[in-house]
């Protein structure tokens, strides 16, 4: 009796190995882009970049898709820190507490009202001071809009407004037997928010100015520049 021929064993097919992705081709995160933008802001403040160079590099940083596109933007700066996922610290800074939600209006009548610290500021804020005082500090606020309009009414009272030094500040108020003083400035960062002060002061005053040494580092950038 003839024995059946043995069935040949299947020959294993070699699978092509997947080549590792080069670090320069890795996708950049929002944190990577923001880190480079902060370095560029510092370099501009130190006089290492001109207004045009800073504006061009900031735009390129926020439009970068890979780490390789980000690297050249700070290569010629002393504060350059290479972006490397392998060298990145495993533990980051402690997370900040959540920002407070506040009313879009403030009222002080024969008294005072103050708002400072980490709070969410929207597109519009109304401040009324009648025989009283209102203090608004945006230094540590979280901006949720590309433009913040603060409408001021001061009657025999005063409104004091402080903003981070790296945002744009504009004013169009009127003083009637009083003062409406807004120290205007234009930020070199095209993605920075704009704070506009308007209204009037009657036998009272309104003062708005940058708070030196305080820079805005947290805002909803996708609403501002993308």
C-alpha atoms as a PDB file:
ATOM      1  CA  UNK A   1       0.000   0.000   0.000  1.00  0.00           C
ATOM      2  CA  UNK A   2       1.432   3.347  -1.125  1.00  0.00           C
ATOM      3  CA  UNK A   3       1.965   5.904   1.633  1.00  0.00           C
ATOM      4  CA  UNK A   4       0.710   9.450   0.960  1.00  0.00           C
ATOM      5  CA  UNK A   5       3.416  12.032   0.323  1.00  0.00           C
ATOM      6  CA  UNK A   6       4.123  14.210   3.343  1.00  0.00           C
ATOM      7  CA  UNK A   7       2.561  17.691   3.251  1.00  0.00           C
ATOM      8  CA  UNK A   8       5.284  20.321   2.922  1.00  0.00           C
ATOM      9  CA  UNK A   9       5.513  22.706   5.829  1.00  0.00           C
ATOM     10  CA  UNK A  10       4.661  26.336   4.988  1.00  0.00           C
ATOM     11  CA  UNK A  11       7.683  28.524   4.479  1.00  0.00           C
ATOM     12  CA  UNK A  12       7.550  31.521   6.831  1.00  0.00           C
ATOM     13  CA  UNK A  13       7.305  34.768   4.947  1.00  0.00           C
ATOM     14  CA  UNK A  14       9.599  37.477   6.231  1.00  0.00           C
ATOM     15  CA  UNK A  15       7.687  40.625   7.115  1.00  0.00           C
ATOM     16  CA  UNK A  16       9.338  43.917   6.363  1.00  0.00           C
ATOM     17  CA  UNK A  17      10.434  45.675   9.481  1.00  0.00           C
ATOM     18  CA  UNK A  18       8.861  49.061  10.133  1.00  0.00           C
ATOM     19  CA  UNK A  19      11.568  51.708  10.155  1.00  0.00           C
ATOM     20  CA  UNK A  20      11.500  53.910  13.244  1.00  0.00           C
ATOM     21  CA  UNK A  21      10.279  57.473  12.698  1.00  0.00           C
ATOM     22  CA  UNK A  22      13.052  60.042  12.887  1.00  0.00           C
ATOM     23  CA  UNK A  23      12.721  62.428  15.786  1.00  0.00           C
ATOM     24  CA  UNK A  24      12.527  65.424  13.435  1.00  0.00           C
ATOM     25  CA  UNK A  25       9.476  63.836  11.770  1.00  0.00           C
ATOM     26  CA  UNK A  26       7.577  63.330  15.013  1.00  0.00           C
ATOM     27  CA  UNK A  27       4.408  65.357  15.325  1.00  0.00           C
ATOM     28  CA  UNK A  28       4.702  68.490  17.471  1.00  0.00           C
ATOM     29  CA  UNK A  29       2.225  69.000  20.300  1.00  0.00           C
ATOM     30  CA  UNK A  30       0.614  72.255  21.448  1.00  0.00           C
ATOM     31  CA  UNK A  31       2.984  72.194  24.425  1.00  0.00           C
ATOM     32  CA  UNK A  32       6.006  71.945  22.087  1.00  0.00           C
ATOM     33  CA  UNK A  33       4.795  74.902  20.019  1.00  0.00           C
ATOM     34  CA  UNK A  34       4.022  76.977  23.109  1.00  0.00           C
ATOM     35  CA  UNK A  35       7.471  76.256  24.584  1.00  0.00           C
ATOM     36  CA  UNK A  36       9.184  77.553  21.438  1.00  0.00           C
ATOM     37  CA  UNK A  37       6.884  80.603  21.336  1.00  0.00           C
ATOM     38  CA  UNK A  38       7.863  81.445  24.925  1.00  0.00           C
ATOM     39  CA  UNK A  39      11.562  81.253  24.030  1.00  0.00           C
ATOM     40  CA  UNK A  40      10.939  83.583  21.104  1.00  0.00           C
ATOM     41  CA  UNK A  41       9.081  86.052  23.323  1.00  0.00           C
ATOM     42  CA  UNK A  42      11.974  86.097  25.779  1.00  0.00           C
ATOM     43  CA  UNK A  43      14.487  86.570  22.950  1.00  0.00           C
ATOM     44  CA  UNK A  44      12.491  89.511  21.596  1.00  0.00           C
ATOM     45  CA  UNK A  45      12.281  91.096  25.053  1.00  0.00           C
ATOM     46  CA  UNK A  46      16.081  90.787  25.351  1.00  0.00           C
ATOM     47  CA  UNK A  47      16.586  92.497  21.984  1.00  0.00           C
ATOM     48  CA  UNK A  48      17.916  89.386  20.200  1.00  0.00           C
ATOM     49  CA  UNK A  49      15.155  89.455  17.566  1.00  0.00           C
ATOM     50  CA  UNK A  50      13.674  92.319  15.593  1.00  0.00           C
ATOM     51  CA  UNK A  51       9.914  92.860  15.423  1.00  0.00           C
ATOM     52  CA  UNK A  52       9.793  91.304  11.951  1.00  0.00           C
ATOM     53  CA  UNK A  53      11.920  88.300  12.939  1.00  0.00           C
ATOM     54  CA  UNK A  54       9.855  87.697  16.063  1.00  0.00           C
ATOM     55  CA  UNK A  55       6.568  87.938  14.172  1.00  0.00           C
ATOM     56  CA  UNK A  56       7.742  85.570  11.421  1.00  0.00           C
ATOM     57  CA  UNK A  57       9.093  82.977  13.860  1.00  0.00           C
ATOM     58  CA  UNK A  58       6.019  83.108  16.097  1.00  0.00           C
ATOM     59  CA  UNK A  59       3.802  82.486  13.083  1.00  0.00           C
ATOM     60  CA  UNK A  60       6.042  79.632  11.963  1.00  0.00           C
ATOM     61  CA  UNK A  61       6.049  78.128  15.481  1.00  0.00           C
ATOM     62  CA  UNK A  62       2.273  77.991  15.766  1.00  0.00           C
ATOM     63  CA  UNK A  63       2.011  76.613  12.220  1.00  0.00           C
ATOM     64  CA  UNK A  64       4.656  73.889  12.691  1.00  0.00           C
ATOM     65  CA  UNK A  65       3.519  70.291  12.401  1.00  0.00           C
ATOM     66  CA  UNK A  66       6.722  68.444  13.310  1.00  0.00           C
ATOM     67  CA  UNK A  67       9.577  68.832  15.771  1.00  0.00           C
ATOM     68  CA  UNK A  68      11.946  69.290  12.843  1.00  0.00           C
ATOM     69  CA  UNK A  69      10.049  72.422  11.788  1.00  0.00           C
ATOM     70  CA  UNK A  70      10.332  73.871  15.290  1.00  0.00           C
ATOM     71  CA  UNK A  71      14.036  73.228  15.868  1.00  0.00           C
ATOM     72  CA  UNK A  72      15.484  75.894  13.485  1.00  0.00           C
ATOM     73  CA  UNK A  73      13.375  78.658  15.042  1.00  0.00           C
ATOM     74  CA  UNK A  74      15.526  78.843  18.196  1.00  0.00           C
ATOM     75  CA  UNK A  75      18.771  77.271  16.972  1.00  0.00           C
ATOM     76  CA  UNK A  76      20.607  80.629  16.909  1.00  0.00           C
ATOM     77  CA  UNK A  77      19.383  81.756  20.340  1.00  0.00           C
ATOM     78  CA  UNK A  78      21.407  81.309  23.574  1.00  0.00           C
ATOM     79  CA  UNK A  79      18.349  80.075  25.433  1.00  0.00           C
ATOM     80  CA  UNK A  80      17.792  77.343  22.845  1.00  0.00           C
ATOM     81  CA  UNK A  81      16.669  74.064  24.403  1.00  0.00           C
ATOM     82  CA  UNK A  82      16.414  71.227  21.857  1.00  0.00           C
ATOM     83  CA  UNK A  83      13.023  69.600  21.630  1.00  0.00           C
ATOM     84  CA  UNK A  84      13.518  65.945  22.338  1.00  0.00           C
ATOM     85  CA  UNK A  85      10.929  63.526  23.568  1.00  0.00           C
ATOM     86  CA  UNK A  86      13.710  61.253  24.782  1.00  0.00           C
ATOM     87  CA  UNK A  87      15.248  64.006  26.891  1.00  0.00           C
ATOM     88  CA  UNK A  88      12.015  65.523  28.109  1.00  0.00           C
ATOM     89  CA  UNK A  89      11.504  65.295  31.874  1.00  0.00           C
ATOM     90  CA  UNK A  90       9.064  62.652  32.946  1.00  0.00           C
ATOM     91  CA  UNK A  91       7.477  64.843  35.576  1.00  0.00           C
ATOM     92  CA  UNK A  92       6.248  68.300  34.661  1.00  0.00           C
ATOM     93  CA  UNK A  93       5.318  71.195  36.913  1.00  0.00           C
ATOM     94  CA  UNK A  94       2.410  70.795  39.260  1.00  0.00           C
ATOM     95  CA  UNK A  95      -0.896  71.600  37.525  1.00  0.00           C
ATOM     96  CA  UNK A  96      -2.393  74.973  38.298  1.00  0.00           C
ATOM     97  CA  UNK A  97      -5.731  75.141  40.116  1.00  0.00           C
ATOM     98  CA  UNK A  98      -8.748  75.654  37.863  1.00  0.00           C
ATOM     99  CA  UNK A  99      -9.591  79.256  37.007  1.00  0.00           C
ATOM    100  CA  UNK A 100     -12.631  80.790  38.671  1.00  0.00           C
ATOM    101  CA  UNK A 101     -15.753  81.699  36.739  1.00  0.00           C
ATOM    102  CA  UNK A 102     -16.822  85.247  37.566  1.00  0.00           C
ATOM    103  CA  UNK A 103     -19.690  87.543  36.721  1.00  0.00           C
ATOM    104  CA  UNK A 104     -19.144  89.769  33.662  1.00  0.00           C
ATOM    105  CA  UNK A 105     -19.999  92.842  35.749  1.00  0.00           C
ATOM    106  CA  UNK A 106     -18.527  94.533  38.827  1.00  0.00           C
ATOM    107  CA  UNK A 107     -20.276  97.146  40.953  1.00  0.00           C
ATOM    108  CA  UNK A 108     -18.941  99.302  43.788  1.00  0.00           C
ATOM    109  CA  UNK A 109     -21.266 101.831  45.470  1.00  0.00           C
ATOM    110  CA  UNK A 110     -19.860 103.547  48.554  1.00  0.00           C
ATOM    111  CA  UNK A 111     -17.480 100.647  48.805  1.00  0.00           C
ATOM    112  CA  UNK A 112     -14.989  98.585  46.856  1.00  0.00           C
ATOM    113  CA  UNK A 113     -14.831  95.592  44.526  1.00  0.00           C
ATOM    114  CA  UNK A 114     -11.700  93.686  43.565  1.00  0.00           C
ATOM    115  CA  UNK A 115     -10.965  90.856  41.164  1.00  0.00           C
ATOM    116  CA  UNK A 116      -7.533  89.260  40.840  1.00  0.00           C
ATOM    117  CA  UNK A 117      -5.770  85.886  40.702  1.00  0.00           C
ATOM    118  CA  UNK A 118      -6.752  83.024  38.361  1.00  0.00           C
ATOM    119  CA  UNK A 119     -10.147  83.833  36.928  1.00  0.00           C
ATOM    120  CA  UNK A 120     -11.732  83.428  33.520  1.00  0.00           C
ATOM    121  CA  UNK A 121     -12.227  86.619  31.566  1.00  0.00           C
ATOM    122  CA  UNK A 122     -14.530  86.594  28.566  1.00  0.00           C
ATOM    123  CA  UNK A 123     -15.079  89.063  25.755  1.00  0.00           C
ATOM    124  CA  UNK A 124     -16.853  91.727  27.809  1.00  0.00           C
ATOM    125  CA  UNK A 125     -16.595  93.099  31.331  1.00  0.00           C
ATOM    126  CA  UNK A 126     -18.521  95.987  32.877  1.00  0.00           C
ATOM    127  CA  UNK A 127     -17.162  97.959  35.846  1.00  0.00           C
ATOM    128  CA  UNK A 128     -19.261 100.584  37.676  1.00  0.00           C
ATOM    129  CA  UNK A 129     -17.846 102.651  40.542  1.00  0.00           C
ATOM    130  CA  UNK A 130     -20.104 105.183  42.269  1.00  0.00           C
ATOM    131  CA  UNK A 131     -18.531 106.797  45.302  1.00  0.00           C
ATOM    132  CA  UNK A 132     -16.397 103.699  45.451  1.00  0.00           C
ATOM    133  CA  UNK A 133     -13.528 101.861  43.804  1.00  0.00           C
ATOM    134  CA  UNK A 134     -13.130  98.888  41.463  1.00  0.00           C
ATOM    135  CA  UNK A 135      -9.833  97.023  41.022  1.00  0.00           C
ATOM    136  CA  UNK A 136      -9.385  94.663  38.050  1.00  0.00           C
ATOM    137  CA  UNK A 137      -6.159  92.667  37.761  1.00  0.00           C
ATOM    138  CA  UNK A 138      -5.791  90.565  34.604  1.00  0.00           C
ATOM    139  CA  UNK A 139      -2.184  89.542  35.317  1.00  0.00           C
ATOM    140  CA  UNK A 140      -3.045  85.949  36.197  1.00  0.00           C
ATOM    141  CA  UNK A 141      -6.401  85.710  34.436  1.00  0.00           C
ATOM    142  CA  UNK A 142      -7.177  83.094  31.786  1.00  0.00           C
ATOM    143  CA  UNK A 143      -8.243  84.845  28.583  1.00  0.00           C
ATOM    144  CA  UNK A 144     -11.023  83.067  26.705  1.00  0.00           C
ATOM    145  CA  UNK A 145     -11.429  85.583  23.896  1.00  0.00           C
ATOM    146  CA  UNK A 146      -9.040  87.285  21.450  1.00  0.00           C
ATOM    147  CA  UNK A 147     -10.467  90.644  22.518  1.00  0.00           C
ATOM    148  CA  UNK A 148     -11.641  91.829  25.932  1.00  0.00           C
ATOM    149  CA  UNK A 149     -13.741  94.995  26.119  1.00  0.00           C
ATOM    150  CA  UNK A 150     -13.967  96.591  29.564  1.00  0.00           C
ATOM    151  CA  UNK A 151     -16.738  99.169  29.830  1.00  0.00           C
ATOM    152  CA  UNK A 152     -16.069 101.623  32.654  1.00  0.00           C
ATOM    153  CA  UNK A 153     -18.444 104.002  34.437  1.00  0.00           C
ATOM    154  CA  UNK A 154     -16.858 105.967  37.279  1.00  0.00           C
ATOM    155  CA  UNK A 155     -18.926 108.619  39.083  1.00  0.00           C
ATOM    156  CA  UNK A 156     -17.168 110.159  42.062  1.00  0.00           C
ATOM    157  CA  UNK A 157     -15.216 106.943  42.133  1.00  0.00           C
ATOM    158  CA  UNK A 158     -12.297 105.175  40.526  1.00  0.00           C
ATOM    159  CA  UNK A 159     -11.509 102.111  38.428  1.00  0.00           C
ATOM    160  CA  UNK A 160      -7.976 100.675  38.390  1.00  0.00           C
ATOM    161  CA  UNK A 161      -7.091  98.122  35.698  1.00  0.00           C
ATOM    162  CA  UNK A 162      -3.851  96.149  35.335  1.00  0.00           C
ATOM    163  CA  UNK A 163      -2.994  93.905  32.376  1.00  0.00           C
ATOM    164  CA  UNK A 164      -0.020  91.627  31.565  1.00  0.00           C
ATOM    165  CA  UNK A 165       2.841  93.433  29.862  1.00  0.00           C
ATOM    166  CA  UNK A 166       2.695  91.254  26.737  1.00  0.00           C
ATOM    167  CA  UNK A 167      -0.897  91.976  25.660  1.00  0.00           C
ATOM    168  CA  UNK A 168      -2.148  94.906  23.587  1.00  0.00           C
ATOM    169  CA  UNK A 169      -3.901  97.665  25.514  1.00  0.00           C
ATOM    170  CA  UNK A 170      -6.123 100.318  23.925  1.00  0.00           C
ATOM    171  CA  UNK A 171      -8.448 102.979  25.342  1.00  0.00           C
ATOM    172  CA  UNK A 172     -11.183 105.304  24.143  1.00  0.00           C
ATOM    173  CA  UNK A 173     -12.725 106.681  27.330  1.00  0.00           C
ATOM    174  CA  UNK A 174     -13.822 110.193  28.259  1.00  0.00           C
ATOM    175  CA  UNK A 175     -13.089 112.130  31.439  1.00  0.00           C
ATOM    176  CA  UNK A 176     -15.616 114.762  32.553  1.00  0.00           C
ATOM    177  CA  UNK A 177     -14.192 116.694  35.468  1.00  0.00           C
ATOM    178  CA  UNK A 178     -12.150 113.595  35.936  1.00  0.00           C
ATOM    179  CA  UNK A 179      -9.430 111.524  34.338  1.00  0.00           C
ATOM    180  CA  UNK A 180      -9.419 108.613  31.891  1.00  0.00           C
ATOM    181  CA  UNK A 181      -5.818 107.431  31.578  1.00  0.00           C
ATOM    182  CA  UNK A 182      -5.027 104.347  29.494  1.00  0.00           C
ATOM    183  CA  UNK A 183      -1.349 103.625  28.827  1.00  0.00           C
ATOM    184  CA  UNK A 184      -1.740 102.090  25.403  1.00  0.00           C
ATOM    185  CA  UNK A 185       0.654  99.495  24.045  1.00  0.00           C
ATOM    186  CA  UNK A 186       0.800  97.048  21.138  1.00  0.00           C
ATOM    187  CA  UNK A 187       2.114  93.551  21.737  1.00  0.00           C
ATOM    188  CA  UNK A 188       4.776  92.201  19.385  1.00  0.00           C
ATOM    189  CA  UNK A 189       3.024  88.823  19.523  1.00  0.00           C
ATOM    190  CA  UNK A 190       0.305  88.749  16.835  1.00  0.00           C
ATOM    191  CA  UNK A 191      -1.474  85.997  18.774  1.00  0.00           C
ATOM    192  CA  UNK A 192      -1.704  87.957  22.028  1.00  0.00           C
ATOM    193  CA  UNK A 193      -5.122  89.165  23.231  1.00  0.00           C
ATOM    194  CA  UNK A 194      -6.246  92.785  22.960  1.00  0.00           C
ATOM    195  CA  UNK A 195      -7.758  94.617  25.939  1.00  0.00           C
ATOM    196  CA  UNK A 196      -9.902  97.645  25.043  1.00  0.00           C
ATOM    197  CA  UNK A 197     -11.017 100.126  27.702  1.00  0.00           C
ATOM    198  CA  UNK A 198     -13.953 102.417  27.014  1.00  0.00           C
ATOM    199  CA  UNK A 199     -16.484 104.427  28.976  1.00  0.00           C
ATOM    200  CA  UNK A 200     -16.353 107.604  31.027  1.00  0.00           C
ATOM    201  CA  UNK A 201     -15.296 109.043  34.350  1.00  0.00           C
ATOM    202  CA  UNK A 202     -17.389 111.857  35.852  1.00  0.00           C
ATOM    203  CA  UNK A 203     -15.759 113.528  38.833  1.00  0.00           C
ATOM    204  CA  UNK A 204     -13.791 110.337  39.086  1.00  0.00           C
ATOM    205  CA  UNK A 205     -11.010 108.458  37.389  1.00  0.00           C
ATOM    206  CA  UNK A 206     -10.024 105.405  35.414  1.00  0.00           C
ATOM    207  CA  UNK A 207      -6.454 104.185  35.060  1.00  0.00           C
ATOM    208  CA  UNK A 208      -5.343 101.201  32.966  1.00  0.00           C
ATOM    209  CA  UNK A 209      -1.722 100.156  32.566  1.00  0.00           C
ATOM    210  CA  UNK A 210       0.537  97.116  32.056  1.00  0.00           C
ATOM    211  CA  UNK A 211       1.833  95.371  35.136  1.00  0.00           C
ATOM    212  CA  UNK A 212       5.567  95.154  34.583  1.00  0.00           C
ATOM    213  CA  UNK A 213       7.114  91.755  35.184  1.00  0.00           C
ATOM    214  CA  UNK A 214       3.820  89.909  34.636  1.00  0.00           C
ATOM    215  CA  UNK A 215       3.414  88.080  31.335  1.00  0.00           C
ATOM    216  CA  UNK A 216       0.363  86.299  30.114  1.00  0.00           C
ATOM    217  CA  UNK A 217       1.173  82.622  29.579  1.00  0.00           C
ATOM    218  CA  UNK A 218      -2.251  81.031  29.453  1.00  0.00           C
ATOM    219  CA  UNK A 219      -5.038  81.705  27.006  1.00  0.00           C
ATOM    220  CA  UNK A 220      -7.178  79.814  24.577  1.00  0.00           C
ATOM    221  CA  UNK A 221      -4.794  80.110  21.621  1.00  0.00           C
ATOM    222  CA  UNK A 222      -6.990  78.194  19.187  1.00  0.00           C
ATOM    223  CA  UNK A 223      -9.586  80.951  19.440  1.00  0.00           C
ATOM    224  CA  UNK A 224      -6.951  83.661  19.059  1.00  0.00           C
ATOM    225  CA  UNK A 225      -4.777  82.562  16.183  1.00  0.00           C
ATOM    226  CA  UNK A 226      -6.097  79.469  14.494  1.00  0.00           C
END
